[in-house]
Amino acid sequence: MNWELLIRMAGLGLLLIALANFIVPSMLNYRAIPAKVDRGFARIFTVHAVHIVVTVLGMGGLCLRAPAFFLEDGSEWVRAGSMGLFSLGADFPTIATLA
């Protein structure tokens, strides 16, 4: 199995997800949501949306540009896991605020 090709395919999928984050909001009328809710929630909504796009673009770019980052030294699980924990940690304050 060619791991580098699979990582590049994952990167392409992530870039497509990022692209969808620019197309789908207009279809779902996301601009109207901040006007209908509390100002603090609107800020969280906007910051979270930007965070998702930036994180997905960064990960997709890394997968396409440097797939060896995930495959070198036999520590690919440590690197992928730490990036996943970072992403979860970055999202946790937003999730906790909404609860």
N, C-alpha and C. Protein backbone atom coordinates (compact mmCIF):
# COMPACT_ATOMS: atom_id res chain seq x y z
N MET A 1 0.84 -1.17 0.00
CA MET A 1 0.00 0.00 0.00
C MET A 1 0.89 1.24 0.00
N ASN A 2 0.58 2.19 -0.84
CA ASN A 2 1.37 3.41 -0.95
C ASN A 2 0.81 4.47 0.00
N TRP A 3 1.43 4.60 1.16
CA TRP A 3 0.95 5.52 2.18
C TRP A 3 1.04 6.97 1.73
N GLU A 4 2.09 7.30 0.99
CA GLU A 4 2.24 8.68 0.54
C GLU A 4 1.06 9.09 -0.36
N LEU A 5 0.66 8.20 -1.24
CA LEU A 5 -0.48 8.49 -2.11
C LEU A 5 -1.76 8.66 -1.28
N LEU A 6 -1.95 7.81 -0.29
CA LEU A 6 -3.14 7.92 0.56
C LEU A 6 -3.16 9.24 1.34
N ILE A 7 -2.00 9.66 1.81
CA ILE A 7 -1.93 10.93 2.54
C ILE A 7 -2.22 12.09 1.61
N ARG A 8 -1.71 12.02 0.39
CA ARG A 8 -2.00 13.08 -0.58
C ARG A 8 -3.49 13.10 -0.94
N MET A 9 -4.10 11.93 -1.04
CA MET A 9 -5.54 11.87 -1.31
C MET A 9 -6.33 12.47 -0.15
N ALA A 10 -5.88 12.21 1.07
CA ALA A 10 -6.53 12.81 2.24
C ALA A 10 -6.39 14.32 2.20
N GLY A 11 -5.22 14.81 1.79
CA GLY A 11 -5.00 16.25 1.66
C GLY A 11 -5.94 16.86 0.63
N LEU A 12 -6.12 16.18 -0.48
CA LEU A 12 -7.05 16.67 -1.50
C LEU A 12 -8.48 16.70 -0.94
N GLY A 13 -8.86 15.67 -0.21
CA GLY A 13 -10.18 15.64 0.43
C GLY A 13 -10.35 16.79 1.41
N LEU A 14 -9.31 17.09 2.18
CA LEU A 14 -9.39 18.21 3.12
C LEU A 14 -9.53 19.54 2.40
N LEU A 15 -8.84 19.71 1.29
CA LEU A 15 -8.99 20.95 0.53
C LEU A 15 -10.38 21.07 -0.06
N LEU A 16 -10.98 19.96 -0.45
CA LEU A 16 -12.36 19.99 -0.94
C LEU A 16 -13.32 20.37 0.20
N ILE A 17 -13.05 19.87 1.40
CA ILE A 17 -13.87 20.26 2.55
C ILE A 17 -13.74 21.75 2.82
N ALA A 18 -12.52 22.28 2.72
CA ALA A 18 -12.31 23.72 2.92
C ALA A 18 -13.07 24.51 1.86
N LEU A 19 -13.02 24.05 0.62
CA LEU A 19 -13.76 24.71 -0.45
C LEU A 19 -15.25 24.69 -0.16
N ALA A 20 -15.75 23.58 0.34
CA ALA A 20 -17.17 23.48 0.68
C ALA A 20 -17.56 24.48 1.75
N ASN A 21 -16.62 24.83 2.64
CA ASN A 21 -16.89 25.81 3.68
C ASN A 21 -17.07 27.22 3.13
N PHE A 22 -16.73 27.44 1.88
CA PHE A 22 -16.99 28.73 1.23
C PHE A 22 -18.27 28.69 0.40
N ILE A 23 -18.69 27.51 -0.01
CA ILE A 23 -19.87 27.38 -0.87
C ILE A 23 -21.14 27.12 -0.06
N VAL A 24 -21.09 26.19 0.86
CA VAL A 24 -22.27 25.76 1.62
C VAL A 24 -22.88 26.88 2.47
N PRO A 25 -22.08 27.73 3.15
CA PRO A 25 -22.71 28.77 3.97
C PRO A 25 -23.66 29.68 3.20
N SER A 26 -23.35 29.99 1.96
CA SER A 26 -24.28 30.82 1.20
C SER A 26 -25.57 30.06 0.87
N MET A 27 -25.44 28.74 0.69
CA MET A 27 -26.62 27.92 0.42
C MET A 27 -27.52 27.82 1.66
N LEU A 28 -26.91 27.84 2.85
CA LEU A 28 -27.65 27.72 4.10
C LEU A 28 -27.95 29.06 4.76
N ASN A 29 -27.61 30.14 4.07
CA ASN A 29 -27.87 31.50 4.55
C ASN A 29 -27.23 31.77 5.91
N TYR A 30 -25.94 31.46 6.03
CA TYR A 30 -25.22 31.66 7.28
C TYR A 30 -25.12 33.12 7.69
N ARG A 31 -25.22 34.04 6.76
CA ARG A 31 -25.11 35.46 7.11
C ARG A 31 -26.26 35.90 8.02
N ALA A 32 -27.38 35.23 7.93
CA ALA A 32 -28.53 35.62 8.74
C ALA A 32 -28.42 35.13 10.18
N ILE A 33 -27.61 34.11 10.43
CA ILE A 33 -27.53 33.53 11.78
C ILE A 33 -27.00 34.53 12.81
N PRO A 34 -25.86 35.20 12.57
CA PRO A 34 -25.37 36.14 13.59
C PRO A 34 -26.36 37.26 13.91
N ALA A 35 -27.19 37.64 12.95
CA ALA A 35 -28.16 38.70 13.20
C ALA A 35 -29.30 38.25 14.12
N LYS A 36 -29.54 36.95 14.20
CA LYS A 36 -30.67 36.42 14.97
C LYS A 36 -30.31 36.01 16.38
N VAL A 37 -29.04 35.91 16.70
CA VAL A 37 -28.63 35.38 18.00
C VAL A 37 -27.88 36.42 18.81
N ASP A 38 -27.58 36.05 20.04
CA ASP A 38 -26.81 36.91 20.94
C ASP A 38 -25.47 37.28 20.31
N ARG A 39 -24.99 38.46 20.61
CA ARG A 39 -23.75 38.95 20.01
C ARG A 39 -22.54 38.07 20.35
N GLY A 40 -22.48 37.58 21.58
CA GLY A 40 -21.39 36.69 21.99
C GLY A 40 -21.41 35.39 21.21
N PHE A 41 -22.59 34.83 21.04
CA PHE A 41 -22.71 33.60 20.26
C PHE A 41 -22.32 33.84 18.81
N ALA A 42 -22.69 35.00 18.28
CA ALA A 42 -22.33 35.32 16.89
C ALA A 42 -20.82 35.37 16.72
N ARG A 43 -20.13 35.93 17.70
CA ARG A 43 -18.66 35.98 17.64
C ARG A 43 -18.07 34.57 17.69
N ILE A 44 -18.59 33.75 18.59
CA ILE A 44 -18.10 32.37 18.68
C ILE A 44 -18.35 31.64 17.37
N PHE A 45 -19.51 31.82 16.80
CA PHE A 45 -19.87 31.19 15.53
C PHE A 45 -18.88 31.58 14.44
N THR A 46 -18.58 32.87 14.34
CA THR A 46 -17.66 33.36 13.32
C THR A 46 -16.24 32.86 13.55
N VAL A 47 -15.75 32.98 14.79
CA VAL A 47 -14.39 32.53 15.09
C VAL A 47 -14.25 31.03 14.85
N HIS A 48 -15.24 30.27 15.24
CA HIS A 48 -15.18 28.83 15.06
C HIS A 48 -15.17 28.47 13.58
N ALA A 49 -15.97 29.15 12.78
CA ALA A 49 -16.00 28.89 11.33
C ALA A 49 -14.64 29.20 10.70
N VAL A 50 -14.04 30.32 11.09
CA VAL A 50 -12.72 30.67 10.55
C VAL A 50 -11.67 29.66 11.01
N HIS A 51 -11.75 29.26 12.28
CA HIS A 51 -10.79 28.28 12.81
C HIS A 51 -10.86 26.97 12.04
N ILE A 52 -12.06 26.51 11.75
CA ILE A 52 -12.22 25.26 11.01
C ILE A 52 -11.59 25.37 9.63
N VAL A 53 -11.86 26.45 8.92
CA VAL A 53 -11.31 26.61 7.57
C VAL A 53 -9.79 26.67 7.61
N VAL A 54 -9.23 27.44 8.53
CA VAL A 54 -7.77 27.57 8.61
C VAL A 54 -7.12 26.24 8.98
N THR A 55 -7.71 25.52 9.94
CA THR A 55 -7.16 24.23 10.35
C THR A 55 -7.21 23.21 9.22
N VAL A 56 -8.35 23.14 8.53
CA VAL A 56 -8.49 22.18 7.44
C VAL A 56 -7.56 22.54 6.28
N LEU A 57 -7.44 23.83 5.96
CA LEU A 57 -6.50 24.24 4.90
C LEU A 57 -5.06 23.90 5.26
N GLY A 58 -4.69 24.15 6.52
CA GLY A 58 -3.33 23.84 6.95
C GLY A 58 -3.02 22.36 6.89
N MET A 59 -3.94 21.55 7.37
CA MET A 59 -3.72 20.11 7.34
C MET A 59 -3.72 19.58 5.91
N GLY A 60 -4.63 20.09 5.08
CA GLY A 60 -4.66 19.66 3.68
C GLY A 60 -3.39 20.05 2.94
N GLY A 61 -2.92 21.26 3.19
CA GLY A 61 -1.68 21.70 2.57
C GLY A 61 -0.49 20.88 3.01
N LEU A 62 -0.44 20.55 4.29
CA LEU A 62 0.64 19.72 4.81
C LEU A 62 0.61 18.33 4.19
N CYS A 63 -0.58 17.77 4.06
CA CYS A 63 -0.71 16.43 3.46
C CYS A 63 -0.28 16.43 2.00
N LEU A 64 -0.62 17.48 1.28
CA LEU A 64 -0.25 17.53 -0.14
C LEU A 64 1.21 17.88 -0.35
N ARG A 65 1.71 18.80 0.45
CA ARG A 65 3.07 19.33 0.23
C ARG A 65 4.15 18.45 0.86
N ALA A 66 3.87 17.90 2.03
CA ALA A 66 4.92 17.16 2.75
C ALA A 66 4.35 15.91 3.40
N PRO A 67 3.91 14.93 2.62
CA PRO A 67 3.35 13.72 3.23
C PRO A 67 4.38 12.95 4.05
N ALA A 68 5.66 13.16 3.76
CA ALA A 68 6.71 12.47 4.52
C ALA A 68 6.70 12.88 5.99
N PHE A 69 6.13 14.05 6.29
CA PHE A 69 6.02 14.50 7.68
C PHE A 69 5.32 13.45 8.53
N PHE A 70 4.35 12.75 7.95
CA PHE A 70 3.59 11.76 8.68
C PHE A 70 4.23 10.38 8.64
N LEU A 71 5.24 10.20 7.81
CA LEU A 71 5.79 8.87 7.59
C LEU A 71 7.22 8.67 8.10
N GLU A 72 7.92 9.73 8.43
CA GLU A 72 9.33 9.63 8.82
C GLU A 72 9.49 9.07 10.23
N ASP A 73 10.60 8.44 10.45
CA ASP A 73 11.07 8.00 11.77
C ASP A 73 10.15 7.03 12.49
N GLY A 74 9.15 6.51 11.86
CA GLY A 74 8.24 5.59 12.53
C GLY A 74 7.37 6.26 13.58
N SER A 75 7.34 7.58 13.60
CA SER A 75 6.55 8.28 14.62
C SER A 75 5.31 8.93 14.03
N GLU A 76 4.81 8.37 12.94
CA GLU A 76 3.66 8.98 12.28
C GLU A 76 2.42 9.03 13.17
N TRP A 77 2.24 8.02 14.02
CA TRP A 77 1.07 8.01 14.90
C TRP A 77 1.20 9.09 15.96
N VAL A 78 2.42 9.33 16.43
CA VAL A 78 2.62 10.38 17.43
C VAL A 78 2.34 11.74 16.82
N ARG A 79 2.81 11.97 15.62
CA ARG A 79 2.60 13.26 14.96
C ARG A 79 1.13 13.48 14.63
N ALA A 80 0.50 12.48 14.04
CA ALA A 80 -0.91 12.61 13.70
C ALA A 80 -1.76 12.76 14.96
N GLY A 81 -1.43 12.00 15.99
CA GLY A 81 -2.18 12.09 17.25
C GLY A 81 -2.02 13.44 17.92
N SER A 82 -0.81 13.98 17.91
CA SER A 82 -0.60 15.28 18.54
C SER A 82 -1.33 16.38 17.77
N MET A 83 -1.38 16.26 16.45
CA MET A 83 -2.12 17.25 15.68
C MET A 83 -3.62 17.12 15.94
N GLY A 84 -4.11 15.90 16.10
CA GLY A 84 -5.51 15.70 16.43
C GLY A 84 -5.86 16.25 17.80
N LEU A 85 -4.98 16.03 18.77
CA LEU A 85 -5.22 16.57 20.12
C LEU A 85 -5.17 18.09 20.12
N PHE A 86 -4.26 18.67 19.31
CA PHE A 86 -4.20 20.12 19.19
C PHE A 86 -5.52 20.66 18.65
N SER A 87 -6.03 20.01 17.61
CA SER A 87 -7.29 20.45 17.02
C SER A 87 -8.43 20.33 18.02
N LEU A 88 -8.48 19.23 18.75
CA LEU A 88 -9.51 19.04 19.76
C LEU A 88 -9.38 20.10 20.85
N GLY A 89 -8.14 20.36 21.27
CA GLY A 89 -7.91 21.36 22.30
C GLY A 89 -8.29 22.76 21.85
N ALA A 90 -8.11 23.05 20.57
CA ALA A 90 -8.47 24.35 20.05
C ALA A 90 -9.98 24.50 19.97
N ASP A 91 -10.69 23.40 19.73
CA ASP A 91 -12.15 23.44 19.63
C ASP A 91 -12.84 23.35 20.98
N PHE A 92 -12.17 22.81 21.98
CA PHE A 92 -12.82 22.59 23.27
C PHE A 92 -13.38 23.87 23.91
N PRO A 93 -12.63 24.98 23.92
CA PRO A 93 -13.22 26.20 24.53
C PRO A 93 -14.51 26.62 23.86
N THR A 94 -14.60 26.47 22.56
CA THR A 94 -15.82 26.84 21.86
C THR A 94 -16.95 25.92 22.24
N ILE A 95 -16.67 24.63 22.29
CA ILE A 95 -17.69 23.65 22.66
C ILE A 95 -18.15 23.88 24.10
N ALA A 96 -17.21 24.14 24.99
CA ALA A 96 -17.55 24.38 26.40
C ALA A 96 -18.38 25.65 26.57
N THR A 97 -18.11 26.66 25.75
CA THR A 97 -18.86 27.91 25.83
C THR A 97 -20.31 27.71 25.42
N LEU A 98 -20.53 26.83 24.46
CA LEU A 98 -21.88 26.59 23.96
C LEU A 98 -22.71 25.72 24.89
N ALA A 99 -22.04 24.96 25.75
CA ALA A 99 -22.77 24.02 26.62
C ALA A 99 -23.51 24.73 27.73
